[in-house]
Amino acid sequence: MRSKWQAGLLLGVVNLLLLSTALAQSDRGAIAGTVLDSSGAAVAGAAVTLKGVDTGSVYKTVSSSTGGYRISELTAALRELGVDGPRFRCGERAGSGNGK
């Protein structure tokens, strides 16, 4: 009787682990990068703006002391990325969020 109880408990734990892995899947992504000036030096405090071309949604962040930035919880869509900082002119680049 004890071995049936242990087998049932083990099966329950395995199912719980599989369920939690399945629930962890998401349709969201992130964009991350580093803002550098023309000499290759990191630009801290640069304003990074991501705008949805079709939706008009806008996400903003500021680059860290090492020039790094990250915008999370994004759905796949065509977006324009703009960066404006103290040591360079504003630049923009469009992309689809799926690597194209």
Protein backbone atom coordinates (compact mmCIF):
# COMPACT_ATOMS: atom_id res chain seq x y z
CA MET A 1 0.00 0.00 0.00
CA ARG A 2 2.83 2.37 0.84
CA SER A 3 4.49 1.89 -2.58
CA LYS A 4 1.24 2.83 -4.40
CA TRP A 5 1.02 6.01 -2.31
CA GLN A 6 4.67 6.87 -3.07
CA ALA A 7 4.19 6.17 -6.79
CA GLY A 8 1.09 8.39 -6.82
CA LEU A 9 2.95 11.18 -5.04
CA LEU A 10 5.86 10.92 -7.47
CA LEU A 11 3.49 11.02 -10.44
CA GLY A 12 1.76 14.08 -8.97
CA VAL A 13 5.08 15.91 -8.49
CA VAL A 14 6.18 15.10 -12.05
CA ASN A 15 2.84 16.37 -13.43
CA LEU A 16 3.15 19.55 -11.39
CA LEU A 17 6.65 20.17 -12.73
CA LEU A 18 5.53 19.59 -16.32
CA LEU A 19 2.52 21.87 -15.87
CA SER A 20 4.63 24.69 -14.43
CA THR A 21 7.03 24.41 -17.39
CA ALA A 22 4.15 24.58 -19.86
CA LEU A 23 2.68 27.63 -18.13
CA ALA A 24 6.06 29.38 -18.30
CA GLN A 25 5.81 29.68 -22.10
CA SER A 26 5.04 33.17 -23.35
CA ASP A 27 4.34 35.06 -26.57
CA ARG A 28 6.35 38.03 -25.28
CA GLY A 29 9.91 39.02 -26.00
CA ALA A 30 12.43 41.73 -25.25
CA ILE A 31 14.86 43.99 -27.01
CA ALA A 32 18.23 44.80 -25.46
CA GLY A 33 21.37 46.50 -26.61
CA THR A 34 24.17 48.91 -25.83
CA VAL A 35 24.31 52.57 -26.82
CA LEU A 36 27.75 53.51 -28.10
CA ASP A 37 29.08 56.77 -29.54
CA SER A 38 31.13 56.97 -32.75
CA SER A 39 34.35 56.18 -30.85
CA GLY A 40 32.83 53.02 -29.34
CA ALA A 41 32.45 54.46 -25.83
CA ALA A 42 29.32 53.58 -23.86
CA VAL A 43 26.74 56.35 -23.55
CA ALA A 44 25.06 56.52 -20.14
CA GLY A 45 21.72 58.26 -19.83
CA ALA A 46 20.73 58.04 -23.49
CA ALA A 47 16.97 58.12 -24.10
CA VAL A 48 15.87 54.93 -25.87
CA THR A 49 12.39 54.94 -27.45
CA LEU A 50 10.66 51.99 -29.10
CA LYS A 51 7.52 52.82 -31.11
CA GLY A 52 5.08 50.36 -32.69
CA VAL A 53 4.71 51.27 -36.38
CA ASP A 54 1.18 49.83 -36.68
CA THR A 55 -0.05 50.35 -33.13
CA GLY A 56 1.62 53.60 -32.13
CA SER A 57 2.50 52.11 -28.74
CA VAL A 58 5.58 53.71 -27.20
CA TYR A 59 8.08 52.19 -24.76
CA LYS A 60 10.82 54.31 -23.20
CA THR A 61 13.90 53.59 -21.13
CA VAL A 62 17.28 55.17 -20.37
CA SER A 63 20.65 53.51 -20.95
CA SER A 64 22.61 52.43 -17.87
CA SER A 65 26.09 53.57 -16.83
CA THR A 66 27.51 50.94 -19.21
CA GLY A 67 25.24 52.05 -22.07
CA GLY A 68 22.99 49.02 -21.76
CA TYR A 69 19.22 49.08 -22.15
CA ARG A 70 16.39 46.51 -22.15
CA ILE A 71 12.68 46.77 -22.93
CA SER A 72 10.66 43.67 -21.99
CA GLU A 73 7.15 42.27 -22.45
CA LEU A 74 6.95 43.02 -26.17
CA THR A 75 4.78 41.21 -28.70
CA ALA A 76 6.15 40.56 -32.19
CA ALA A 77 5.51 43.63 -34.35
CA LEU A 78 7.20 46.13 -36.62
CA ARG A 79 8.82 48.80 -34.45
CA GLU A 80 11.09 51.83 -34.75
CA LEU A 81 13.93 52.21 -32.28
CA GLY A 82 15.16 55.73 -31.61
CA VAL A 83 18.13 56.76 -29.47
CA ASP A 84 19.03 60.27 -28.41
CA GLY A 85 22.00 61.07 -26.22
CA PRO A 86 24.38 63.85 -25.20
CA ARG A 87 27.26 62.83 -27.49
CA PHE A 88 25.50 61.99 -30.76
CA ARG A 89 22.64 62.82 -33.08
CA CYS A 90 19.31 61.03 -32.91
CA GLY A 91 19.25 57.78 -34.85
CA GLU A 92 16.38 55.46 -35.74
CA ARG A 93 16.12 51.93 -37.03
CA ALA A 94 13.04 49.89 -37.95
CA GLY A 95 12.65 46.16 -37.39
CA SER A 96 9.95 43.53 -37.04
CA GLY A 97 10.80 42.02 -33.67
CA ASN A 98 11.35 38.60 -35.22
CA GLY A 99 14.95 39.15 -36.30
CA LYS A 100 14.19 40.70 -39.71
